[in-house]
């Protein structure tokens, strides 16, 4: 019976991800899981009532905590974002507040402006071209299904995962994004993550643990990895290793929307090329800030303040101040955030 239920869930996941073979998508699956095909909610907790998502899509997100929309962002837009990223790498543009990151294995080497040394740009809300991603109607149409009509863009990233140096530092530990966010409620937050090229297990695709969005926020910290860990790459210290794992194979323009409590990460990039993706975390403008002092998020809160002071020279500000600076209204009106 357990085997049948696991197989049913596997079939539904594969159908959602485009009918790929089990070996191409699933790292492993375990017994005791519940198939979304039998999902019968009393009411939807994680999606809003509108006419965008089908009933099957809503059920899938409610049960699994993520939803892939194929071919959502155009090739032309992705090329614009790629071109702007290259301009940033060449230091031709320097947007206010932008955080430029390098892999831990090259962070102390001589800096030569190039996309081959930049692994991520974060907080690009002041870059007009990159921030256009956060305002694309095709993105916001789906975001509203999770946040409602008043939408804030809260956290922006363009990830340029490098070929692994051999020390496995290109991987990202399993984590929950809510660990980084001092605002709630979690059910009114969603990430849009768009592949900028073909992404598979060879170049470090996303891996998700379906259904973990229904659990609590777990304790995070730096993993004890021999080769080193990139800055702010916190990972979950305790998770069920028997959980299903699904690897998201994506084509350019495919976009996954996922809940901030969904446990996810990515493997190392075993290819010779860089793997690019662009993302934004959105929130309902009615969300509110919380004080993380004395909680499991206190460690990341303190780290964010230290980095803001070191990189931007910002002192005597609160974590809330930093997030209010990052936040931008992209639809409707700004309320709390």
C-alpha atoms as a PDB file:
ATOM      1  CA  UNK A   1       0.000   0.000   0.000  1.00  0.00           C
ATOM      2  CA  UNK A   2       2.800   2.447   0.934  1.00  0.00           C
ATOM      3  CA  UNK A   3       4.621   1.639  -2.295  1.00  0.00           C
ATOM      4  CA  UNK A   4       1.452   2.293  -4.315  1.00  0.00           C
ATOM      5  CA  UNK A   5       0.932   5.676  -2.672  1.00  0.00           C
ATOM      6  CA  UNK A   6       4.536   6.713  -3.301  1.00  0.00           C
ATOM      7  CA  UNK A   7       4.232   5.627  -6.932  1.00  0.00           C
ATOM      8  CA  UNK A   8       1.032   7.637  -7.331  1.00  0.00           C
ATOM      9  CA  UNK A   9       2.716  10.740  -5.975  1.00  0.00           C
ATOM     10  CA  UNK A  10       5.671  10.175  -8.263  1.00  0.00           C
ATOM     11  CA  UNK A  11       3.392   9.978 -11.312  1.00  0.00           C
ATOM     12  CA  UNK A  12       1.664  13.261 -10.401  1.00  0.00           C
ATOM     13  CA  UNK A  13       5.007  15.039  -9.868  1.00  0.00           C
ATOM     14  CA  UNK A  14       6.339  13.759 -13.179  1.00  0.00           C
ATOM     15  CA  UNK A  15       3.190  14.855 -15.013  1.00  0.00           C
ATOM     16  CA  UNK A  16       3.523  18.339 -13.514  1.00  0.00           C
ATOM     17  CA  UNK A  17       7.200  18.527 -14.498  1.00  0.00           C
ATOM     18  CA  UNK A  18       6.553  17.631 -18.106  1.00  0.00           C
ATOM     19  CA  UNK A  19       6.436  13.859 -18.195  1.00  0.00           C
ATOM     20  CA  UNK A  20      10.167  13.237 -17.812  1.00  0.00           C
ATOM     21  CA  UNK A  21      11.446   9.862 -16.745  1.00  0.00           C
ATOM     22  CA  UNK A  22      11.724   9.162 -13.043  1.00  0.00           C
ATOM     23  CA  UNK A  23      15.498   8.889 -13.247  1.00  0.00           C
ATOM     24  CA  UNK A  24      15.777  12.362 -14.737  1.00  0.00           C
ATOM     25  CA  UNK A  25      13.745  14.099 -12.051  1.00  0.00           C
ATOM     26  CA  UNK A  26      13.774  12.208  -8.778  1.00  0.00           C
ATOM     27  CA  UNK A  27      16.801  11.709  -6.562  1.00  0.00           C
ATOM     28  CA  UNK A  28      14.890   9.228  -4.459  1.00  0.00           C
ATOM     29  CA  UNK A  29      11.383   8.761  -3.106  1.00  0.00           C
ATOM     30  CA  UNK A  30      10.145   7.100   0.036  1.00  0.00           C
ATOM     31  CA  UNK A  31       7.013   5.376   1.233  1.00  0.00           C
ATOM     32  CA  UNK A  32       4.371   6.932   3.420  1.00  0.00           C
ATOM     33  CA  UNK A  33       3.696   9.999   1.266  1.00  0.00           C
ATOM     34  CA  UNK A  34       0.238  11.158   0.200  1.00  0.00           C
ATOM     35  CA  UNK A  35      -0.630  11.598  -3.462  1.00  0.00           C
ATOM     36  CA  UNK A  36      -1.907  15.054  -4.499  1.00  0.00           C
ATOM     37  CA  UNK A  37      -4.424  13.160  -6.638  1.00  0.00           C
ATOM     38  CA  UNK A  38      -6.317  12.423  -3.430  1.00  0.00           C
ATOM     39  CA  UNK A  39      -6.020  15.948  -2.015  1.00  0.00           C
ATOM     40  CA  UNK A  40      -9.336  17.138  -0.564  1.00  0.00           C
ATOM     41  CA  UNK A  41      -8.856  20.452   1.278  1.00  0.00           C
ATOM     42  CA  UNK A  42     -11.552  21.923   3.484  1.00  0.00           C
ATOM     43  CA  UNK A  43     -10.242  25.251   2.255  1.00  0.00           C
ATOM     44  CA  UNK A  44      -7.142  26.418   0.445  1.00  0.00           C
ATOM     45  CA  UNK A  45      -4.432  27.733   2.782  1.00  0.00           C
ATOM     46  CA  UNK A  46      -1.635  28.701   0.408  1.00  0.00           C
ATOM     47  CA  UNK A  47      -3.367  30.017  -2.731  1.00  0.00           C
ATOM     48  CA  UNK A  48      -5.877  32.811  -3.341  1.00  0.00           C
ATOM     49  CA  UNK A  49      -9.192  32.618  -5.148  1.00  0.00           C
ATOM     50  CA  UNK A  50      -8.881  33.930  -8.715  1.00  0.00           C
ATOM     51  CA  UNK A  51      -9.169  32.576 -12.231  1.00  0.00           C
ATOM     52  CA  UNK A  52      -5.470  32.118 -12.994  1.00  0.00           C
ATOM     53  CA  UNK A  53      -4.564  28.761 -11.470  1.00  0.00           C
ATOM     54  CA  UNK A  54      -6.508  25.676 -12.428  1.00  0.00           C
ATOM     55  CA  UNK A  55      -7.957  23.540  -9.651  1.00  0.00           C
ATOM     56  CA  UNK A  56      -5.258  20.941 -10.330  1.00  0.00           C
ATOM     57  CA  UNK A  57      -2.504  23.588 -10.059  1.00  0.00           C
ATOM     58  CA  UNK A  58      -3.915  24.894  -6.779  1.00  0.00           C
ATOM     59  CA  UNK A  59      -4.104  21.403  -5.326  1.00  0.00           C
ATOM     60  CA  UNK A  60      -0.552  20.693  -6.447  1.00  0.00           C
ATOM     61  CA  UNK A  61       0.836  23.830  -4.772  1.00  0.00           C
ATOM     62  CA  UNK A  62      -1.204  23.269  -1.617  1.00  0.00           C
ATOM     63  CA  UNK A  63       0.186  19.751  -1.261  1.00  0.00           C
ATOM     64  CA  UNK A  64       3.747  20.261  -2.506  1.00  0.00           C
ATOM     65  CA  UNK A  65       4.630  23.933  -1.922  1.00  0.00           C
ATOM     66  CA  UNK A  66       5.855  24.669  -5.451  1.00  0.00           C
ATOM     67  CA  UNK A  67       4.507  25.039  -8.974  1.00  0.00           C
ATOM     68  CA  UNK A  68       6.412  25.151 -12.287  1.00  0.00           C
ATOM     69  CA  UNK A  69       5.020  27.271 -15.127  1.00  0.00           C
ATOM     70  CA  UNK A  70       6.665  26.388 -18.427  1.00  0.00           C
ATOM     71  CA  UNK A  71       8.046  28.984 -20.876  1.00  0.00           C
ATOM     72  CA  UNK A  72       6.743  31.951 -18.875  1.00  0.00           C
ATOM     73  CA  UNK A  73       9.474  34.554 -19.527  1.00  0.00           C
ATOM     74  CA  UNK A  74      10.482  35.389 -23.101  1.00  0.00           C
ATOM     75  CA  UNK A  75      13.918  34.775 -24.607  1.00  0.00           C
ATOM     76  CA  UNK A  76      14.149  38.509 -25.361  1.00  0.00           C
ATOM     77  CA  UNK A  77      13.626  39.503 -21.725  1.00  0.00           C
ATOM     78  CA  UNK A  78      16.119  36.917 -20.531  1.00  0.00           C
ATOM     79  CA  UNK A  79      18.707  38.270 -22.966  1.00  0.00           C
ATOM     80  CA  UNK A  80      18.135  41.792 -21.610  1.00  0.00           C
ATOM     81  CA  UNK A  81      18.741  40.535 -18.070  1.00  0.00           C
ATOM     82  CA  UNK A  82      21.860  38.664 -19.197  1.00  0.00           C
ATOM     83  CA  UNK A  83      23.233  41.761 -20.944  1.00  0.00           C
ATOM     84  CA  UNK A  84      22.634  43.925 -17.878  1.00  0.00           C
ATOM     85  CA  UNK A  85      24.332  41.366 -15.624  1.00  0.00           C
ATOM     86  CA  UNK A  86      27.372  41.462 -17.890  1.00  0.00           C
ATOM     87  CA  UNK A  87      27.440  45.279 -17.693  1.00  0.00           C
ATOM     88  CA  UNK A  88      27.386  45.037 -13.899  1.00  0.00           C
ATOM     89  CA  UNK A  89      30.229  42.507 -13.968  1.00  0.00           C
ATOM     90  CA  UNK A  90      32.289  44.875 -16.163  1.00  0.00           C
ATOM     91  CA  UNK A  91      31.486  47.660 -13.665  1.00  0.00           C
ATOM     92  CA  UNK A  92      29.842  49.740 -16.373  1.00  0.00           C
ATOM     93  CA  UNK A  93      26.849  50.258 -14.084  1.00  0.00           C
ATOM     94  CA  UNK A  94      26.872  50.375 -10.283  1.00  0.00           C
ATOM     95  CA  UNK A  95      23.308  50.348  -8.919  1.00  0.00           C
ATOM     96  CA  UNK A  96      22.810  51.749  -5.423  1.00  0.00           C
ATOM     97  CA  UNK A  97      22.612  49.048  -2.750  1.00  0.00           C
ATOM     98  CA  UNK A  98      23.636  46.207  -5.055  1.00  0.00           C
ATOM     99  CA  UNK A  99      25.518  43.364  -3.374  1.00  0.00           C
ATOM    100  CA  UNK A 100      28.021  41.642  -5.675  1.00  0.00           C
ATOM    101  CA  UNK A 101      29.156  38.202  -4.515  1.00  0.00           C
ATOM    102  CA  UNK A 102      32.012  35.861  -5.401  1.00  0.00           C
ATOM    103  CA  UNK A 103      32.610  32.191  -4.662  1.00  0.00           C
ATOM    104  CA  UNK A 104      34.481  31.489  -1.431  1.00  0.00           C
ATOM    105  CA  UNK A 105      37.280  29.785  -3.395  1.00  0.00           C
ATOM    106  CA  UNK A 106      38.051  32.960  -5.392  1.00  0.00           C
ATOM    107  CA  UNK A 107      36.932  35.686  -2.998  1.00  0.00           C
ATOM    108  CA  UNK A 108      40.502  36.599  -1.973  1.00  0.00           C
ATOM    109  CA  UNK A 109      42.047  36.401  -5.451  1.00  0.00           C
ATOM    110  CA  UNK A 110      42.742  39.432  -7.602  1.00  0.00           C
ATOM    111  CA  UNK A 111      39.513  40.962  -8.875  1.00  0.00           C
ATOM    112  CA  UNK A 112      39.183  41.267 -12.641  1.00  0.00           C
ATOM    113  CA  UNK A 113      35.778  42.609 -13.763  1.00  0.00           C
ATOM    114  CA  UNK A 114      34.161  39.638 -15.491  1.00  0.00           C
ATOM    115  CA  UNK A 115      31.079  37.452 -15.251  1.00  0.00           C
ATOM    116  CA  UNK A 116      33.482  34.567 -14.589  1.00  0.00           C
ATOM    117  CA  UNK A 117      34.225  35.822 -11.074  1.00  0.00           C
ATOM    118  CA  UNK A 118      30.757  37.059 -10.031  1.00  0.00           C
ATOM    119  CA  UNK A 119      28.500  34.311  -8.712  1.00  0.00           C
ATOM    120  CA  UNK A 120      25.522  36.397  -7.647  1.00  0.00           C
ATOM    121  CA  UNK A 121      24.155  39.933  -7.607  1.00  0.00           C
ATOM    122  CA  UNK A 122      21.614  40.620  -4.901  1.00  0.00           C
ATOM    123  CA  UNK A 123      19.322  43.538  -4.077  1.00  0.00           C
ATOM    124  CA  UNK A 124      19.040  44.924  -7.607  1.00  0.00           C
ATOM    125  CA  UNK A 125      15.961  46.996  -6.829  1.00  0.00           C
ATOM    126  CA  UNK A 126      17.770  50.145  -8.023  1.00  0.00           C
ATOM    127  CA  UNK A 127      18.791  48.601 -11.347  1.00  0.00           C
ATOM    128  CA  UNK A 128      16.052  49.580 -13.766  1.00  0.00           C
ATOM    129  CA  UNK A 129      16.739  46.796 -16.272  1.00  0.00           C
ATOM    130  CA  UNK A 130      17.071  43.862 -13.849  1.00  0.00           C
ATOM    131  CA  UNK A 131      14.202  45.064 -11.668  1.00  0.00           C
ATOM    132  CA  UNK A 132      11.930  44.943 -14.711  1.00  0.00           C
ATOM    133  CA  UNK A 133      11.821  41.175 -14.064  1.00  0.00           C
ATOM    134  CA  UNK A 134       9.863  41.899 -10.874  1.00  0.00           C
ATOM    135  CA  UNK A 135       7.263  43.897 -12.798  1.00  0.00           C
ATOM    136  CA  UNK A 136       6.664  41.547 -15.727  1.00  0.00           C
ATOM    137  CA  UNK A 137       2.872  41.102 -16.091  1.00  0.00           C
ATOM    138  CA  UNK A 138       3.313  37.387 -16.777  1.00  0.00           C
ATOM    139  CA  UNK A 139       5.155  36.997 -13.448  1.00  0.00           C
ATOM    140  CA  UNK A 140       2.794  39.163 -11.390  1.00  0.00           C
ATOM    141  CA  UNK A 141      -0.241  37.366 -12.801  1.00  0.00           C
ATOM    142  CA  UNK A 142       0.869  34.241 -10.963  1.00  0.00           C
ATOM    143  CA  UNK A 143       2.342  36.004  -7.929  1.00  0.00           C
ATOM    144  CA  UNK A 144      -1.086  37.466  -7.157  1.00  0.00           C
ATOM    145  CA  UNK A 145      -2.386  33.903  -6.755  1.00  0.00           C
ATOM    146  CA  UNK A 146      -0.239  33.643  -3.608  1.00  0.00           C
ATOM    147  CA  UNK A 147      -0.030  37.215  -2.265  1.00  0.00           C
ATOM    148  CA  UNK A 148      -3.241  38.934  -3.283  1.00  0.00           C
ATOM    149  CA  UNK A 149      -3.473  42.198  -5.296  1.00  0.00           C
ATOM    150  CA  UNK A 150      -1.129  44.442  -3.271  1.00  0.00           C
ATOM    151  CA  UNK A 151       2.320  43.108  -4.111  1.00  0.00           C
ATOM    152  CA  UNK A 152       5.753  44.050  -2.770  1.00  0.00           C
ATOM    153  CA  UNK A 153       9.024  42.916  -4.330  1.00  0.00           C
ATOM    154  CA  UNK A 154      11.149  42.169  -1.260  1.00  0.00           C
ATOM    155  CA  UNK A 155      14.309  40.329  -2.246  1.00  0.00           C
ATOM    156  CA  UNK A 156      16.004  40.121  -5.652  1.00  0.00           C
ATOM    157  CA  UNK A 157      18.819  37.940  -6.982  1.00  0.00           C
ATOM    158  CA  UNK A 158      20.509  36.958 -10.219  1.00  0.00           C
ATOM    159  CA  UNK A 159      22.469  33.765  -9.615  1.00  0.00           C
ATOM    160  CA  UNK A 160      25.470  32.871 -11.772  1.00  0.00           C
ATOM    161  CA  UNK A 161      26.370  29.440 -10.389  1.00  0.00           C
ATOM    162  CA  UNK A 162      30.001  28.785 -11.386  1.00  0.00           C
ATOM    163  CA  UNK A 163      31.571  25.525 -12.508  1.00  0.00           C
ATOM    164  CA  UNK A 164      32.625  23.809  -9.296  1.00  0.00           C
ATOM    165  CA  UNK A 165      36.300  24.194  -8.419  1.00  0.00           C
ATOM    166  CA  UNK A 166      36.421  20.669  -7.021  1.00  0.00           C
ATOM    167  CA  UNK A 167      35.734  21.807  -3.459  1.00  0.00           C
ATOM    168  CA  UNK A 168      31.940  21.550  -3.899  1.00  0.00           C
ATOM    169  CA  UNK A 169      31.425  25.202  -2.960  1.00  0.00           C
ATOM    170  CA  UNK A 170      29.045  25.811  -5.868  1.00  0.00           C
ATOM    171  CA  UNK A 171      26.303  23.827  -4.131  1.00  0.00           C
ATOM    172  CA  UNK A 172      23.719  25.480  -1.885  1.00  0.00           C
ATOM    173  CA  UNK A 173      22.732  23.712   1.340  1.00  0.00           C
ATOM    174  CA  UNK A 174      19.137  22.734   1.959  1.00  0.00           C
ATOM    175  CA  UNK A 175      17.352  25.691   3.519  1.00  0.00           C
ATOM    176  CA  UNK A 176      14.069  27.552   3.923  1.00  0.00           C
ATOM    177  CA  UNK A 177      13.962  31.103   2.592  1.00  0.00           C
ATOM    178  CA  UNK A 178      11.818  32.283   5.502  1.00  0.00           C
ATOM    179  CA  UNK A 179      14.944  32.007   7.658  1.00  0.00           C
ATOM    180  CA  UNK A 180      16.151  35.210   5.975  1.00  0.00           C
ATOM    181  CA  UNK A 181      12.885  37.158   6.156  1.00  0.00           C
ATOM    182  CA  UNK A 182      11.796  39.243   9.188  1.00  0.00           C
ATOM    183  CA  UNK A 183       8.206  39.537   7.990  1.00  0.00           C
ATOM    184  CA  UNK A 184       5.070  37.420   8.178  1.00  0.00           C
ATOM    185  CA  UNK A 185       2.734  35.684   7.520  1.00  0.00           C
ATOM    186  CA  UNK A 186       4.666  33.083   5.558  1.00  0.00           C
ATOM    187  CA  UNK A 187       1.628  32.041   3.527  1.00  0.00           C
ATOM    188  CA  UNK A 188       1.566  35.516   1.923  1.00  0.00           C
ATOM    189  CA  UNK A 189       5.134  35.250   0.583  1.00  0.00           C
ATOM    190  CA  UNK A 190       6.232  33.525  -2.615  1.00  0.00           C
ATOM    191  CA  UNK A 191       9.389  33.224  -4.680  1.00  0.00           C
ATOM    192  CA  UNK A 192       9.459  33.412  -8.476  1.00  0.00           C
ATOM    193  CA  UNK A 193      12.631  31.726  -9.802  1.00  0.00           C
ATOM    194  CA  UNK A 194      13.230  31.749 -13.567  1.00  0.00           C
ATOM    195  CA  UNK A 195      15.756  29.641 -15.451  1.00  0.00           C
ATOM    196  CA  UNK A 196      17.865  31.769 -17.818  1.00  0.00           C
ATOM    197  CA  UNK A 197      19.058  28.679 -19.713  1.00  0.00           C
ATOM    198  CA  UNK A 198      18.630  24.912 -19.674  1.00  0.00           C
ATOM    199  CA  UNK A 199      19.092  23.713 -16.090  1.00  0.00           C
ATOM    200  CA  UNK A 200      19.561  20.098 -15.057  1.00  0.00           C
ATOM    201  CA  UNK A 201      21.364  18.021 -12.448  1.00  0.00           C
ATOM    202  CA  UNK A 202      24.660  18.415 -14.301  1.00  0.00           C
ATOM    203  CA  UNK A 203      24.796  22.201 -13.861  1.00  0.00           C
ATOM    204  CA  UNK A 204      23.157  22.333 -10.432  1.00  0.00           C
ATOM    205  CA  UNK A 205      19.378  22.510 -10.707  1.00  0.00           C
ATOM    206  CA  UNK A 206      17.113  23.242  -7.772  1.00  0.00           C
ATOM    207  CA  UNK A 207      16.153  20.321  -5.562  1.00  0.00           C
ATOM    208  CA  UNK A 208      12.987  20.577  -3.462  1.00  0.00           C
ATOM    209  CA  UNK A 209      11.478  18.482  -0.667  1.00  0.00           C
ATOM    210  CA  UNK A 210       7.758  18.434  -1.539  1.00  0.00           C
ATOM    211  CA  UNK A 211       5.312  19.146   1.265  1.00  0.00           C
ATOM    212  CA  UNK A 212       7.865  20.595   3.686  1.00  0.00           C
ATOM    213  CA  UNK A 213       6.185  24.011   3.420  1.00  0.00           C
ATOM    214  CA  UNK A 214       3.567  22.623   5.816  1.00  0.00           C
ATOM    215  CA  UNK A 215       6.175  22.214   8.555  1.00  0.00           C
ATOM    216  CA  UNK A 216       7.809  24.751  10.893  1.00  0.00           C
ATOM    217  CA  UNK A 217      10.757  27.047  10.291  1.00  0.00           C
ATOM    218  CA  UNK A 218      13.842  25.063  11.265  1.00  0.00           C
ATOM    219  CA  UNK A 219      17.129  26.158  12.808  1.00  0.00           C
ATOM    220  CA  UNK A 220      19.725  27.247  10.229  1.00  0.00           C
ATOM    221  CA  UNK A 221      23.455  27.891  10.363  1.00  0.00           C
ATOM    222  CA  UNK A 222      26.576  27.436   8.257  1.00  0.00           C
ATOM    223  CA  UNK A 223      27.152  23.777   7.340  1.00  0.00           C
ATOM    224  CA  UNK A 224      30.512  22.291   8.275  1.00  0.00           C
ATOM    225  CA  UNK A 225      31.769  21.728   4.741  1.00  0.00           C
ATOM    226  CA  UNK A 226      35.434  20.931   4.245  1.00  0.00           C
ATOM    227  CA  UNK A 227      35.842  23.093   1.131  1.00  0.00           C
ATOM    228  CA  UNK A 228      34.223  26.166   2.677  1.00  0.00           C
ATOM    229  CA  UNK A 229      30.802  27.787   2.452  1.00  0.00           C
ATOM    230  CA  UNK A 230      29.717  30.938   0.658  1.00  0.00           C
ATOM    231  CA  UNK A 231      28.617  33.982   2.630  1.00  0.00           C
ATOM    232  CA  UNK A 232      25.051  33.763   3.992  1.00  0.00           C
ATOM    233  CA  UNK A 233      24.631  30.210   2.670  1.00  0.00           C
ATOM    234  CA  UNK A 234      22.937  28.977   5.834  1.00  0.00           C
ATOM    235  CA  UNK A 235      21.575  25.448   5.861  1.00  0.00           C
ATOM    236  CA  UNK A 236      19.100  23.466   7.928  1.00  0.00           C
ATOM    237  CA  UNK A 237      20.801  21.699  10.799  1.00  0.00           C
ATOM    238  CA  UNK A 238      18.140  19.029  11.213  1.00  0.00           C
ATOM    239  CA  UNK A 239      15.831  17.624   8.549  1.00  0.00           C
ATOM    240  CA  UNK A 240      14.261  14.305   7.635  1.00  0.00           C
ATOM    241  CA  UNK A 241      16.709  12.645   5.239  1.00  0.00           C
ATOM    242  CA  UNK A 242      13.950  10.208   4.188  1.00  0.00           C
ATOM    243  CA  UNK A 243      11.887  13.009   2.629  1.00  0.00           C
ATOM    244  CA  UNK A 244      11.103  12.848  -1.087  1.00  0.00           C
ATOM    245  CA  UNK A 245      13.542  14.884  -3.170  1.00  0.00           C
ATOM    246  CA  UNK A 246      12.583  16.263  -6.561  1.00  0.00           C
ATOM    247  CA  UNK A 247      15.136  17.762  -8.941  1.00  0.00           C
ATOM    248  CA  UNK A 248      13.622  20.522 -11.077  1.00  0.00           C
ATOM    249  CA  UNK A 249      14.829  20.195 -14.656  1.00  0.00           C
ATOM    250  CA  UNK A 250      13.965  23.476 -16.374  1.00  0.00           C
ATOM    251  CA  UNK A 251      14.298  25.128 -19.761  1.00  0.00           C
ATOM    252  CA  UNK A 252      15.031  28.801 -20.408  1.00  0.00           C
ATOM    253  CA  UNK A 253      12.006  30.865 -19.374  1.00  0.00           C
ATOM    254  CA  UNK A 254      10.487  28.202 -17.121  1.00  0.00           C
ATOM    255  CA  UNK A 255       9.543  29.658 -13.736  1.00  0.00           C
ATOM    256  CA  UNK A 256       8.978  27.916 -10.436  1.00  0.00           C
ATOM    257  CA  UNK A 257       6.882  29.581  -7.737  1.00  0.00           C
ATOM    258  CA  UNK A 258       7.493  28.257  -4.241  1.00  0.00           C
ATOM    259  CA  UNK A 259       6.566  28.819  -0.600  1.00  0.00           C
ATOM    260  CA  UNK A 260       9.203  30.315   1.772  1.00  0.00           C
ATOM    261  CA  UNK A 261       9.029  27.305   4.109  1.00  0.00           C
ATOM    262  CA  UNK A 262       9.687  24.797   1.324  1.00  0.00           C
ATOM    263  CA  UNK A 263      13.021  23.089   1.979  1.00  0.00           C
ATOM    264  CA  UNK A 264      15.199  23.393  -1.111  1.00  0.00           C
ATOM    265  CA  UNK A 265      18.786  23.784  -2.274  1.00  0.00           C
ATOM    266  CA  UNK A 266      20.946  23.022  -5.286  1.00  0.00           C
ATOM    267  CA  UNK A 267      23.792  20.688  -6.149  1.00  0.00           C
ATOM    268  CA  UNK A 268      27.221  21.601  -7.430  1.00  0.00           C
ATOM    269  CA  UNK A 269      27.712  22.693 -11.005  1.00  0.00           C
ATOM    270  CA  UNK A 270      29.570  19.812 -12.653  1.00  0.00           C
ATOM    271  CA  UNK A 271      29.482  21.415 -16.107  1.00  0.00           C
ATOM    272  CA  UNK A 272      32.064  23.741 -17.646  1.00  0.00           C
ATOM    273  CA  UNK A 273      29.637  26.640 -17.999  1.00  0.00           C
ATOM    274  CA  UNK A 274      27.926  29.079 -15.646  1.00  0.00           C
ATOM    275  CA  UNK A 275      24.279  28.396 -14.725  1.00  0.00           C
ATOM    276  CA  UNK A 276      22.102  31.504 -14.537  1.00  0.00           C
ATOM    277  CA  UNK A 277      18.720  32.142 -12.939  1.00  0.00           C
ATOM    278  CA  UNK A 278      16.894  35.291 -11.855  1.00  0.00           C
ATOM    279  CA  UNK A 279      14.497  35.475  -8.918  1.00  0.00           C
ATOM    280  CA  UNK A 280      12.418  37.687  -6.694  1.00  0.00           C
ATOM    281  CA  UNK A 281      10.591  37.076  -3.437  1.00  0.00           C
ATOM    282  CA  UNK A 282       7.241  38.796  -3.335  1.00  0.00           C
ATOM    283  CA  UNK A 283       4.968  39.480  -0.366  1.00  0.00           C
ATOM    284  CA  UNK A 284       1.498  40.776   0.311  1.00  0.00           C
ATOM    285  CA  UNK A 285       1.799  44.466   1.211  1.00  0.00           C
ATOM    286  CA  UNK A 286      -0.327  43.672   4.286  1.00  0.00           C
ATOM    287  CA  UNK A 287       2.475  41.557   5.769  1.00  0.00           C
ATOM    288  CA  UNK A 288       4.140  42.893   8.908  1.00  0.00           C
ATOM    289  CA  UNK A 289       7.696  42.985  10.239  1.00  0.00           C
ATOM    290  CA  UNK A 290       8.718  40.925  13.252  1.00  0.00           C
ATOM    291  CA  UNK A 291      11.517  41.221  15.806  1.00  0.00           C
ATOM    292  CA  UNK A 292      13.911  38.292  15.268  1.00  0.00           C
ATOM    293  CA  UNK A 293      15.813  38.823  18.517  1.00  0.00           C
ATOM    294  CA  UNK A 294      15.638  35.702  20.634  1.00  0.00           C
ATOM    295  CA  UNK A 295      14.448  33.559  17.713  1.00  0.00           C
ATOM    296  CA  UNK A 296      16.209  31.094  15.409  1.00  0.00           C
ATOM    297  CA  UNK A 297      16.563  33.979  12.912  1.00  0.00           C
ATOM    298  CA  UNK A 298      18.669  36.136  15.215  1.00  0.00           C
ATOM    299  CA  UNK A 299      21.925  34.821  13.716  1.00  0.00           C
ATOM    300  CA  UNK A 300      21.084  35.834  10.146  1.00  0.00           C
ATOM    301  CA  UNK A 301      19.666  39.154  11.329  1.00  0.00           C
ATOM    302  CA  UNK A 302      22.947  40.030  13.012  1.00  0.00           C
ATOM    303  CA  UNK A 303      24.912  38.926   9.949  1.00  0.00           C
ATOM    304  CA  UNK A 304      22.835  41.107   7.614  1.00  0.00           C
ATOM    305  CA  UNK A 305      23.482  44.154   9.819  1.00  0.00           C
ATOM    306  CA  UNK A 306      27.237  43.462   9.891  1.00  0.00           C
ATOM    307  CA  UNK A 307      27.386  43.083   6.121  1.00  0.00           C
ATOM    308  CA  UNK A 308      25.400  46.290   5.585  1.00  0.00           C
ATOM    309  CA  UNK A 309      27.866  48.116   7.807  1.00  0.00           C
ATOM    310  CA  UNK A 310      30.941  46.620   6.120  1.00  0.00           C
ATOM    311  CA  UNK A 311      29.896  46.925   2.480  1.00  0.00           C
ATOM    312  CA  UNK A 312      27.676  49.995   2.448  1.00  0.00           C
ATOM    313  CA  UNK A 313      28.925  51.834   5.527  1.00  0.00           C
ATOM    314  CA  UNK A 314      25.429  51.743   6.996  1.00  0.00           C
ATOM    315  CA  UNK A 315      25.342  52.144  10.786  1.00  0.00           C
ATOM    316  CA  UNK A 316      22.685  52.734  13.425  1.00  0.00           C
ATOM    317  CA  UNK A 317      19.939  51.116  11.374  1.00  0.00           C
ATOM    318  CA  UNK A 318      17.628  48.246  12.205  1.00  0.00           C
ATOM    319  CA  UNK A 319      16.959  45.090  10.248  1.00  0.00           C
ATOM    320  CA  UNK A 320      13.521  46.514   9.475  1.00  0.00           C
ATOM    321  CA  UNK A 321      15.147  49.650   8.016  1.00  0.00           C
ATOM    322  CA  UNK A 322      17.249  47.541   5.641  1.00  0.00           C
ATOM    323  CA  UNK A 323      14.246  45.575   4.439  1.00  0.00           C
ATOM    324  CA  UNK A 324      12.138  48.703   3.972  1.00  0.00           C
ATOM    325  CA  UNK A 325      14.915  50.086   1.769  1.00  0.00           C
ATOM    326  CA  UNK A 326      14.896  46.921  -0.348  1.00  0.00           C
ATOM    327  CA  UNK A 327      11.115  46.684  -0.660  1.00  0.00           C
ATOM    328  CA  UNK A 328       9.324  48.077  -3.716  1.00  0.00           C
ATOM    329  CA  UNK A 329       5.635  48.083  -4.533  1.00  0.00           C
ATOM    330  CA  UNK A 330       5.068  46.432  -7.927  1.00  0.00           C
ATOM    331  CA  UNK A 331       1.270  46.203  -7.962  1.00  0.00           C
ATOM    332  CA  UNK A 332      -1.509  47.801  -5.924  1.00  0.00           C
ATOM    333  CA  UNK A 333      -0.506  49.927  -2.946  1.00  0.00           C
ATOM    334  CA  UNK A 334       2.150  49.887  -0.259  1.00  0.00           C
ATOM    335  CA  UNK A 335       0.572  49.210   3.126  1.00  0.00           C
ATOM    336  CA  UNK A 336       2.812  47.825   5.908  1.00  0.00           C
ATOM    337  CA  UNK A 337       6.025  46.683   4.237  1.00  0.00           C
END
